[in-house]
């Protein structure tokens, strides 16, 4: 195999790995967002009066082990309007079918 073909195949492989990692991250974020919505629904946090605190609402400074996507997924849900946040740092569902 010539050197040029090896370089092109190497670059294609790196691009493929990059795309697959991005797809994996999006998949994990969606799965985590669904679990957050299910948790808020199971706790009955459907309006400001029933809002609940979430233990992962603050970023984890000490990152040991696998990456935790709860904080980023929660931020995403708030930005999309699916989850609301009170002034006291409590969270509630704004829409029931936010991730479906």
PDB file of N, CA and C in Angstrom:
ATOM      1  N   UNK A   1       0.854  -1.170   0.000  1.00  0.00           N
ATOM      2  CA  UNK A   1       0.000   0.000   0.000  1.00  0.00           C
ATOM      3  C   UNK A   1       0.900   1.233   0.000  1.00  0.00           C
ATOM      4  N   UNK A   2       0.586   2.185  -0.845  1.00  0.00           N
ATOM      5  CA  UNK A   2       1.445   3.362  -0.932  1.00  0.00           C
ATOM      6  C   UNK A   2       1.247   4.266   0.291  1.00  0.00           C
ATOM      7  N   UNK A   3       2.194   5.114   0.480  1.00  0.00           N
ATOM      8  CA  UNK A   3       2.188   6.000   1.644  1.00  0.00           C
ATOM      9  C   UNK A   3       1.018   6.978   1.586  1.00  0.00           C
ATOM     10  N   UNK A   4       0.681   7.472   0.408  1.00  0.00           N
ATOM     11  CA  UNK A   4      -0.438   8.413   0.269  1.00  0.00           C
ATOM     12  C   UNK A   4      -1.768   7.767   0.645  1.00  0.00           C
ATOM     13  N   UNK A   5      -1.968   6.524   0.249  1.00  0.00           N
ATOM     14  CA  UNK A   5      -3.207   5.819   0.595  1.00  0.00           C
ATOM     15  C   UNK A   5      -3.282   5.596   2.102  1.00  0.00           C
ATOM     16  N   UNK A   6      -2.161   5.267   2.723  1.00  0.00           N
ATOM     17  CA  UNK A   6      -2.135   5.072   4.173  1.00  0.00           C
ATOM     18  C   UNK A   6      -2.484   6.365   4.900  1.00  0.00           C
ATOM     19  N   UNK A   7      -1.979   7.484   4.415  1.00  0.00           N
ATOM     20  CA  UNK A   7      -2.280   8.775   5.046  1.00  0.00           C
ATOM     21  C   UNK A   7      -3.770   9.091   4.908  1.00  0.00           C
ATOM     22  N   UNK A   8      -4.317   8.897   3.728  1.00  0.00           N
ATOM     23  CA  UNK A   8      -5.736   9.165   3.504  1.00  0.00           C
ATOM     24  C   UNK A   8      -6.600   8.253   4.375  1.00  0.00           C
ATOM     25  N   UNK A   9      -6.259   6.982   4.442  1.00  0.00           N
ATOM     26  CA  UNK A   9      -7.011   6.052   5.296  1.00  0.00           C
ATOM     27  C   UNK A   9      -6.894   6.432   6.771  1.00  0.00           C
ATOM     28  N   UNK A  10      -5.732   6.875   7.194  1.00  0.00           N
ATOM     29  CA  UNK A  10      -5.546   7.314   8.574  1.00  0.00           C
ATOM     30  C   UNK A  10      -6.401   8.525   8.904  1.00  0.00           C
ATOM     31  N   UNK A  11      -6.452   9.483   7.988  1.00  0.00           N
ATOM     32  CA  UNK A  11      -7.275  10.679   8.206  1.00  0.00           C
ATOM     33  C   UNK A  11      -8.754  10.311   8.229  1.00  0.00           C
ATOM     34  N   UNK A  12      -9.187   9.447   7.312  1.00  0.00           N
ATOM     35  CA  UNK A  12     -10.583   9.001   7.306  1.00  0.00           C
ATOM     36  C   UNK A  12     -10.938   8.270   8.600  1.00  0.00           C
ATOM     37  N   UNK A  13     -10.019   7.464   9.102  1.00  0.00           N
ATOM     38  CA  UNK A  13     -10.245   6.759  10.358  1.00  0.00           C
ATOM     39  C   UNK A  13     -10.404   7.751  11.510  1.00  0.00           C
ATOM     40  N   UNK A  14      -9.547   8.763  11.569  1.00  0.00           N
ATOM     41  CA  UNK A  14      -9.643   9.758  12.638  1.00  0.00           C
ATOM     42  C   UNK A  14     -10.946  10.554  12.556  1.00  0.00           C
ATOM     43  N   UNK A  15     -11.363  10.910  11.362  1.00  0.00           N
ATOM     44  CA  UNK A  15     -12.632  11.617  11.190  1.00  0.00           C
ATOM     45  C   UNK A  15     -13.786  10.722  11.637  1.00  0.00           C
ATOM     46  N   UNK A  16     -13.732   9.452  11.280  1.00  0.00           N
ATOM     47  CA  UNK A  16     -14.771   8.516  11.696  1.00  0.00           C
ATOM     48  C   UNK A  16     -14.845   8.365  13.207  1.00  0.00           C
ATOM     49  N   UNK A  17     -13.709   8.271  13.854  1.00  0.00           N
ATOM     50  CA  UNK A  17     -13.679   8.152  15.319  1.00  0.00           C
ATOM     51  C   UNK A  17     -14.245   9.419  15.956  1.00  0.00           C
ATOM     52  N   UNK A  18     -13.888  10.578  15.415  1.00  0.00           N
ATOM     53  CA  UNK A  18     -14.396  11.839  15.947  1.00  0.00           C
ATOM     54  C   UNK A  18     -15.917  11.895  15.838  1.00  0.00           C
ATOM     55  N   UNK A  19     -16.453  11.525  14.699  1.00  0.00           N
ATOM     56  CA  UNK A  19     -17.909  11.553  14.496  1.00  0.00           C
ATOM     57  C   UNK A  19     -18.595  10.558  15.431  1.00  0.00           C
ATOM     58  N   UNK A  20     -18.037   9.370  15.564  1.00  0.00           N
ATOM     59  CA  UNK A  20     -18.642   8.370  16.458  1.00  0.00           C
ATOM     60  C   UNK A  20     -18.635   8.820  17.915  1.00  0.00           C
ATOM     61  N   UNK A  21     -17.575   9.495  18.360  1.00  0.00           N
ATOM     62  CA  UNK A  21     -17.559   9.981  19.745  1.00  0.00           C
ATOM     63  C   UNK A  21     -18.617  11.056  19.954  1.00  0.00           C
ATOM     64  N   UNK A  22     -18.815  11.913  18.972  1.00  0.00           N
ATOM     65  CA  UNK A  22     -19.853  12.947  19.084  1.00  0.00           C
ATOM     66  C   UNK A  22     -21.240  12.319  19.130  1.00  0.00           C
ATOM     67  N   UNK A  23     -21.477  11.306  18.316  1.00  0.00           N
ATOM     68  CA  UNK A  23     -22.761  10.609  18.328  1.00  0.00           C
ATOM     69  C   UNK A  23     -22.969   9.937  19.690  1.00  0.00           C
ATOM     70  N   UNK A  24     -21.920   9.361  20.243  1.00  0.00           N
ATOM     71  CA  UNK A  24     -22.011   8.729  21.566  1.00  0.00           C
ATOM     72  C   UNK A  24     -22.335   9.727  22.659  1.00  0.00           C
ATOM     73  N   UNK A  25     -21.739  10.903  22.601  1.00  0.00           N
ATOM     74  CA  UNK A  25     -22.011  11.933  23.604  1.00  0.00           C
ATOM     75  C   UNK A  25     -23.460  12.395  23.513  1.00  0.00           C
ATOM     76  N   UNK A  26     -23.953  12.617  22.305  1.00  0.00           N
ATOM     77  CA  UNK A  26     -25.352  13.031  22.128  1.00  0.00           C
ATOM     78  C   UNK A  26     -26.290  11.946  22.644  1.00  0.00           C
ATOM     79  N   UNK A  27     -25.974  10.691  22.366  1.00  0.00           N
ATOM     80  CA  UNK A  27     -26.803   9.585  22.847  1.00  0.00           C
ATOM     81  C   UNK A  27     -26.850   9.560  24.375  1.00  0.00           C
ATOM     82  N   UNK A  28     -25.692   9.739  25.011  1.00  0.00           N
ATOM     83  CA  UNK A  28     -25.651   9.739  26.480  1.00  0.00           C
ATOM     84  C   UNK A  28     -26.405  10.927  27.061  1.00  0.00           C
ATOM     85  N   UNK A  29     -26.280  12.103  26.440  1.00  0.00           N
ATOM     86  CA  UNK A  29     -27.011  13.278  26.915  1.00  0.00           C
ATOM     87  C   UNK A  29     -28.519  13.073  26.812  1.00  0.00           C
ATOM     88  N   UNK A  30     -28.988  12.510  25.714  1.00  0.00           N
ATOM     89  CA  UNK A  30     -30.420  12.251  25.567  1.00  0.00           C
ATOM     90  C   UNK A  30     -30.918  11.244  26.591  1.00  0.00           C
ATOM     91  N   UNK A  31     -30.149  10.197  26.806  1.00  0.00           N
ATOM     92  CA  UNK A  31     -30.541   9.188  27.790  1.00  0.00           C
ATOM     93  C   UNK A  31     -30.579   9.785  29.199  1.00  0.00           C
ATOM     94  N   UNK A  32     -29.605  10.616  29.515  1.00  0.00           N
ATOM     95  CA  UNK A  32     -29.575  11.260  30.822  1.00  0.00           C
ATOM     96  C   UNK A  32     -30.726  12.249  30.971  1.00  0.00           C
ATOM     97  N   UNK A  33     -31.044  12.989  29.912  1.00  0.00           N
ATOM     98  CA  UNK A  33     -32.164  13.928  29.961  1.00  0.00           C
ATOM     99  C   UNK A  33     -33.469  13.193  30.221  1.00  0.00           C
ATOM    100  N   UNK A  34     -33.654  12.042  29.574  1.00  0.00           N
ATOM    101  CA  UNK A  34     -34.860  11.251  29.823  1.00  0.00           C
ATOM    102  C   UNK A  34     -34.934  10.798  31.274  1.00  0.00           C
ATOM    103  N   UNK A  35     -33.790  10.420  31.843  1.00  0.00           N
ATOM    104  CA  UNK A  35     -33.804   9.971  33.243  1.00  0.00           C
ATOM    105  C   UNK A  35     -34.115  11.132  34.188  1.00  0.00           C
ATOM    106  N   UNK A  36     -33.671  12.338  33.855  1.00  0.00           N
ATOM    107  CA  UNK A  36     -33.981  13.505  34.684  1.00  0.00           C
ATOM    108  C   UNK A  36     -35.476  13.797  34.632  1.00  0.00           C
ATOM    109  N   UNK A  37     -36.059  13.749  33.427  1.00  0.00           N
ATOM    110  CA  UNK A  37     -37.492  13.994  33.287  1.00  0.00           C
ATOM    111  C   UNK A  37     -38.281  12.933  34.042  1.00  0.00           C
ATOM    112  N   UNK A  38     -37.873  11.677  33.947  1.00  0.00           N
ATOM    113  CA  UNK A  38     -38.558  10.603  34.679  1.00  0.00           C
ATOM    114  C   UNK A  38     -38.451  10.809  36.186  1.00  0.00           C
ATOM    115  N   UNK A  39     -37.269  11.242  36.654  1.00  0.00           N
ATOM    116  CA  UNK A  39     -37.094  11.467  38.082  1.00  0.00           C
ATOM    117  C   UNK A  39     -37.981  12.600  38.575  1.00  0.00           C
ATOM    118  N   UNK A  40     -38.036  13.703  37.826  1.00  0.00           N
ATOM    119  CA  UNK A  40     -38.896  14.813  38.230  1.00  0.00           C
ATOM    120  C   UNK A  40     -40.362  14.408  38.190  1.00  0.00           C
ATOM    121  N   UNK A  41     -40.745  13.617  37.203  1.00  0.00           N
ATOM    122  CA  UNK A  41     -42.124  13.147  37.108  1.00  0.00           C
ATOM    123  C   UNK A  41     -42.460  12.209  38.261  1.00  0.00           C
ATOM    124  N   UNK A  42     -41.540  11.329  38.617  1.00  0.00           N
ATOM    125  CA  UNK A  42     -41.806  10.395  39.714  1.00  0.00           C
ATOM    126  C   UNK A  42     -41.877  11.104  41.061  1.00  0.00           C
ATOM    127  N   UNK A  43     -41.155  12.212  41.194  1.00  0.00           N
ATOM    128  CA  UNK A  43     -41.212  12.990  42.435  1.00  0.00           C
ATOM    129  C   UNK A  43     -42.412  13.927  42.457  1.00  0.00           C
ATOM    130  N   UNK A  44     -43.116  14.028  41.346  1.00  0.00           N
ATOM    131  CA  UNK A  44     -44.298  14.886  41.285  1.00  0.00           C
ATOM    132  C   UNK A  44     -43.968  16.357  41.160  1.00  0.00           C
ATOM    133  N   UNK A  45     -42.789  16.687  40.677  1.00  0.00           N
ATOM    134  CA  UNK A  45     -42.369  18.080  40.526  1.00  0.00           C
ATOM    135  C   UNK A  45     -42.868  18.610  39.188  1.00  0.00           C
ATOM    136  N   UNK A  46     -44.141  19.043  39.172  1.00  0.00           N
ATOM    137  CA  UNK A  46     -44.743  19.475  37.918  1.00  0.00           C
ATOM    138  C   UNK A  46     -45.045  20.974  37.882  1.00  0.00           C
ATOM    139  N   UNK A  47     -44.815  21.674  38.985  1.00  0.00           N
ATOM    140  CA  UNK A  47     -44.984  23.123  38.989  1.00  0.00           C
ATOM    141  C   UNK A  47     -44.081  23.718  40.063  1.00  0.00           C
ATOM    142  N   UNK A  48     -44.123  25.034  40.188  1.00  0.00           N
ATOM    143  CA  UNK A  48     -43.223  25.726  41.116  1.00  0.00           C
ATOM    144  C   UNK A  48     -43.454  25.277  42.554  1.00  0.00           C
ATOM    145  N   UNK A  49     -44.693  25.025  42.925  1.00  0.00           N
ATOM    146  CA  UNK A  49     -45.017  24.623  44.292  1.00  0.00           C
ATOM    147  C   UNK A  49     -44.480  23.254  44.673  1.00  0.00           C
ATOM    148  N   UNK A  50     -44.336  22.370  43.705  1.00  0.00           N
ATOM    149  CA  UNK A  50     -43.860  21.016  43.994  1.00  0.00           C
ATOM    150  C   UNK A  50     -42.426  20.787  43.519  1.00  0.00           C
ATOM    151  N   UNK A  51     -41.726  21.859  43.207  1.00  0.00           N
ATOM    152  CA  UNK A  51     -40.349  21.740  42.711  1.00  0.00           C
ATOM    153  C   UNK A  51     -39.477  21.029  43.734  1.00  0.00           C
ATOM    154  N   UNK A  52     -38.483  20.323  43.238  1.00  0.00           N
ATOM    155  CA  UNK A  52     -37.607  19.533  44.103  1.00  0.00           C
ATOM    156  C   UNK A  52     -36.143  19.835  43.801  1.00  0.00           C
ATOM    157  N   UNK A  53     -35.305  19.565  44.764  1.00  0.00           N
ATOM    158  CA  UNK A  53     -33.870  19.747  44.566  1.00  0.00           C
ATOM    159  C   UNK A  53     -33.298  18.511  43.881  1.00  0.00           C
ATOM    160  N   UNK A  54     -32.286  18.734  43.058  1.00  0.00           N
ATOM    161  CA  UNK A  54     -31.603  17.627  42.398  1.00  0.00           C
ATOM    162  C   UNK A  54     -30.143  17.623  42.845  1.00  0.00           C
ATOM    163  N   UNK A  55     -29.618  16.456  43.233  1.00  0.00           N
ATOM    164  CA  UNK A  55     -28.243  16.411  43.756  1.00  0.00           C
ATOM    165  C   UNK A  55     -27.186  16.733  42.708  1.00  0.00           C
ATOM    166  N   UNK A  56     -27.502  16.597  41.452  1.00  0.00           N
ATOM    167  CA  UNK A  56     -26.525  16.827  40.393  1.00  0.00           C
ATOM    168  C   UNK A  56     -26.736  18.165  39.696  1.00  0.00           C
ATOM    169  N   UNK A  57     -27.369  19.101  40.371  1.00  0.00           N
ATOM    170  CA  UNK A  57     -27.630  20.398  39.757  1.00  0.00           C
ATOM    171  C   UNK A  57     -26.395  21.293  39.730  1.00  0.00           C
ATOM    172  N   UNK A  58     -25.372  20.914  40.439  1.00  0.00           N
ATOM    173  CA  UNK A  58     -24.120  21.659  40.426  1.00  0.00           C
ATOM    174  C   UNK A  58     -23.033  20.782  39.813  1.00  0.00           C
ATOM    175  N   UNK A  59     -22.115  21.399  39.052  1.00  0.00           N
ATOM    176  CA  UNK A  59     -21.065  20.575  38.425  1.00  0.00           C
ATOM    177  C   UNK A  59     -20.159  19.948  39.471  1.00  0.00           C
ATOM    178  N   UNK A  60     -19.723  18.730  39.190  1.00  0.00           N
ATOM    179  CA  UNK A  60     -18.825  18.014  40.082  1.00  0.00           C
ATOM    180  C   UNK A  60     -17.395  18.479  39.814  1.00  0.00           C
ATOM    181  N   UNK A  61     -16.771  19.073  40.806  1.00  0.00           N
ATOM    182  CA  UNK A  61     -15.419  19.601  40.638  1.00  0.00           C
ATOM    183  C   UNK A  61     -14.404  18.466  40.566  1.00  0.00           C
ATOM    184  N   UNK A  62     -14.573  17.456  41.399  1.00  0.00           N
ATOM    185  CA  UNK A  62     -13.666  16.325  41.420  1.00  0.00           C
ATOM    186  C   UNK A  62     -14.195  15.277  40.442  1.00  0.00           C
ATOM    187  N   UNK A  63     -13.530  15.154  39.318  1.00  0.00           N
ATOM    188  CA  UNK A  63     -13.980  14.207  38.290  1.00  0.00           C
ATOM    189  C   UNK A  63     -13.148  12.939  38.363  1.00  0.00           C
ATOM    190  N   UNK A  64     -13.688  11.946  39.033  1.00  0.00           N
ATOM    191  CA  UNK A  64     -13.013  10.659  39.132  1.00  0.00           C
ATOM    192  C   UNK A  64     -13.919   9.624  38.487  1.00  0.00           C
ATOM    193  N   UNK A  65     -13.384   8.845  37.589  1.00  0.00           N
ATOM    194  CA  UNK A  65     -14.168   7.803  36.947  1.00  0.00           C
ATOM    195  C   UNK A  65     -14.812   8.285  35.674  1.00  0.00           C
ATOM    196  N   UNK A  66     -15.970   7.708  35.370  1.00  0.00           N
ATOM    197  CA  UNK A  66     -16.678   8.024  34.131  1.00  0.00           C
ATOM    198  C   UNK A  66     -17.240   9.441  34.170  1.00  0.00           C
ATOM    199  N   UNK A  67     -17.401  10.026  32.999  1.00  0.00           N
ATOM    200  CA  UNK A  67     -17.938  11.370  32.897  1.00  0.00           C
ATOM    201  C   UNK A  67     -19.426  11.368  33.236  1.00  0.00           C
ATOM    202  N   UNK A  68     -19.844  12.354  34.023  1.00  0.00           N
ATOM    203  CA  UNK A  68     -21.233  12.478  34.429  1.00  0.00           C
ATOM    204  C   UNK A  68     -21.908  13.552  33.573  1.00  0.00           C
ATOM    205  N   UNK A  69     -22.976  13.181  32.872  1.00  0.00           N
ATOM    206  CA  UNK A  69     -23.650  14.087  31.955  1.00  0.00           C
ATOM    207  C   UNK A  69     -24.893  14.731  32.564  1.00  0.00           C
ATOM    208  N   UNK A  70     -25.181  14.480  33.836  1.00  0.00           N
ATOM    209  CA  UNK A  70     -26.397  15.001  34.447  1.00  0.00           C
ATOM    210  C   UNK A  70     -26.438  16.533  34.431  1.00  0.00           C
ATOM    211  N   UNK A  71     -25.346  17.179  34.783  1.00  0.00           N
ATOM    212  CA  UNK A  71     -25.333  18.639  34.853  1.00  0.00           C
ATOM    213  C   UNK A  71     -25.579  19.250  33.479  1.00  0.00           C
ATOM    214  N   UNK A  72     -24.893  18.749  32.451  1.00  0.00           N
ATOM    215  CA  UNK A  72     -25.065  19.286  31.098  1.00  0.00           C
ATOM    216  C   UNK A  72     -26.472  18.994  30.569  1.00  0.00           C
ATOM    217  N   UNK A  73     -26.994  17.811  30.838  1.00  0.00           N
ATOM    218  CA  UNK A  73     -28.338  17.473  30.381  1.00  0.00           C
ATOM    219  C   UNK A  73     -29.376  18.365  31.066  1.00  0.00           C
ATOM    220  N   UNK A  74     -29.188  18.644  32.348  1.00  0.00           N
ATOM    221  CA  UNK A  74     -30.107  19.515  33.077  1.00  0.00           C
ATOM    222  C   UNK A  74     -30.058  20.930  32.508  1.00  0.00           C
ATOM    223  N   UNK A  75     -28.857  21.433  32.216  1.00  0.00           N
ATOM    224  CA  UNK A  75     -28.731  22.752  31.581  1.00  0.00           C
ATOM    225  C   UNK A  75     -29.458  22.783  30.239  1.00  0.00           C
ATOM    226  N   UNK A  76     -29.312  21.732  29.468  1.00  0.00           N
ATOM    227  CA  UNK A  76     -29.957  21.647  28.171  1.00  0.00           C
ATOM    228  C   UNK A  76     -31.479  21.640  28.307  1.00  0.00           C
ATOM    229  N   UNK A  77     -31.995  20.896  29.262  1.00  0.00           N
ATOM    230  CA  UNK A  77     -33.434  20.847  29.478  1.00  0.00           C
ATOM    231  C   UNK A  77     -33.982  22.207  29.914  1.00  0.00           C
ATOM    232  N   UNK A  78     -33.225  22.931  30.717  1.00  0.00           N
ATOM    233  CA  UNK A  78     -33.642  24.268  31.148  1.00  0.00           C
ATOM    234  C   UNK A  78     -33.645  25.222  29.951  1.00  0.00           C
ATOM    235  N   UNK A  79     -32.596  25.160  29.122  1.00  0.00           N
ATOM    236  CA  UNK A  79     -32.517  26.036  27.951  1.00  0.00           C
ATOM    237  C   UNK A  79     -33.623  25.749  26.937  1.00  0.00           C
ATOM    238  N   UNK A  80     -34.029  24.487  26.814  1.00  0.00           N
ATOM    239  CA  UNK A  80     -35.101  24.121  25.892  1.00  0.00           C
ATOM    240  C   UNK A  80     -36.478  24.456  26.438  1.00  0.00           C
ATOM    241  N   UNK A  81     -36.566  24.726  27.739  1.00  0.00           N
ATOM    242  CA  UNK A  81     -37.846  25.054  28.344  1.00  0.00           C
ATOM    243  C   UNK A  81     -38.620  23.867  28.858  1.00  0.00           C
ATOM    244  N   UNK A  82     -38.023  22.698  28.872  1.00  0.00           N
ATOM    245  CA  UNK A  82     -38.702  21.499  29.359  1.00  0.00           C
ATOM    246  C   UNK A  82     -38.704  21.435  30.878  1.00  0.00           C
ATOM    247  N   UNK A  83     -37.691  22.011  31.502  1.00  0.00           N
ATOM    248  CA  UNK A  83     -37.554  22.015  32.955  1.00  0.00           C
ATOM    249  C   UNK A  83     -37.416  23.458  33.407  1.00  0.00           C
ATOM    250  N   UNK A  84     -38.082  23.779  34.491  1.00  0.00           N
ATOM    251  CA  UNK A  84     -37.987  25.117  35.054  1.00  0.00           C
ATOM    252  C   UNK A  84     -37.159  25.101  36.327  1.00  0.00           C
ATOM    253  N   UNK A  85     -36.598  26.263  36.651  1.00  0.00           N
ATOM    254  CA  UNK A  85     -35.780  26.402  37.853  1.00  0.00           C
ATOM    255  C   UNK A  85     -36.328  27.554  38.679  1.00  0.00           C
ATOM    256  N   UNK A  86     -36.504  27.310  39.981  1.00  0.00           N
ATOM    257  CA  UNK A  86     -36.981  28.361  40.871  1.00  0.00           C
ATOM    258  C   UNK A  86     -35.804  29.180  41.368  1.00  0.00           C
ATOM    259  N   UNK A  87     -36.111  30.282  42.039  1.00  0.00           N
ATOM    260  CA  UNK A  87     -35.053  31.125  42.594  1.00  0.00           C
ATOM    261  C   UNK A  87     -34.262  30.409  43.682  1.00  0.00           C
ATOM    262  N   UNK A  88     -34.885  29.463  44.341  1.00  0.00           N
ATOM    263  CA  UNK A  88     -34.227  28.716  45.409  1.00  0.00           C
ATOM    264  C   UNK A  88     -33.391  27.542  44.924  1.00  0.00           C
ATOM    265  N   UNK A  89     -33.271  27.353  43.625  1.00  0.00           N
ATOM    266  CA  UNK A  89     -32.462  26.265  43.099  1.00  0.00           C
ATOM    267  C   UNK A  89     -33.179  24.931  43.041  1.00  0.00           C
ATOM    268  N   UNK A  90     -34.496  24.977  42.938  1.00  0.00           N
ATOM    269  CA  UNK A  90     -35.293  23.751  42.825  1.00  0.00           C
ATOM    270  C   UNK A  90     -35.795  23.630  41.397  1.00  0.00           C
ATOM    271  N   UNK A  91     -36.084  22.405  40.979  1.00  0.00           N
ATOM    272  CA  UNK A  91     -36.420  22.136  39.581  1.00  0.00           C
ATOM    273  C   UNK A  91     -37.779  21.469  39.464  1.00  0.00           C
ATOM    274  N   UNK A  92     -38.464  21.743  38.343  1.00  0.00           N
ATOM    275  CA  UNK A  92     -39.777  21.168  38.091  1.00  0.00           C
ATOM    276  C   UNK A  92     -39.978  21.009  36.586  1.00  0.00           C
ATOM    277  N   UNK A  93     -40.886  20.124  36.216  1.00  0.00           N
ATOM    278  CA  UNK A  93     -41.216  19.903  34.806  1.00  0.00           C
ATOM    279  C   UNK A  93     -42.145  21.006  34.321  1.00  0.00           C
ATOM    280  N   UNK A  94     -41.810  21.573  33.179  1.00  0.00           N
ATOM    281  CA  UNK A  94     -42.689  22.577  32.581  1.00  0.00           C
ATOM    282  C   UNK A  94     -43.615  21.922  31.567  1.00  0.00           C
ATOM    283  N   UNK A  95     -43.143  20.875  30.892  1.00  0.00           N
ATOM    284  CA  UNK A  95     -43.967  20.116  29.957  1.00  0.00           C
ATOM    285  C   UNK A  95     -43.763  18.642  30.253  1.00  0.00           C
ATOM    286  N   UNK A  96     -44.802  17.854  30.119  1.00  0.00           N
ATOM    287  CA  UNK A  96     -44.702  16.426  30.444  1.00  0.00           C
ATOM    288  C   UNK A  96     -43.975  15.623  29.378  1.00  0.00           C
ATOM    289  N   UNK A  97     -44.128  15.939  28.105  1.00  0.00           N
ATOM    290  CA  UNK A  97     -43.499  15.146  27.059  1.00  0.00           C
ATOM    291  C   UNK A  97     -42.367  15.941  26.416  1.00  0.00           C
ATOM    292  N   UNK A  98     -41.408  16.371  27.208  1.00  0.00           N
ATOM    293  CA  UNK A  98     -40.323  17.223  26.730  1.00  0.00           C
ATOM    294  C   UNK A  98     -39.337  16.472  25.872  1.00  0.00           C
ATOM    295  N   UNK A  99     -39.054  15.214  26.181  1.00  0.00           N
ATOM    296  CA  UNK A  99     -38.027  14.481  25.448  1.00  0.00           C
ATOM    297  C   UNK A  99     -38.603  13.390  24.562  1.00  0.00           C
ATOM    298  N   UNK A 100     -39.898  13.329  24.397  1.00  0.00           N
ATOM    299  CA  UNK A 100     -40.505  12.263  23.586  1.00  0.00           C
ATOM    300  C   UNK A 100     -40.785  12.759  22.202  1.00  0.00           C
TER     301      UNK A 100
END
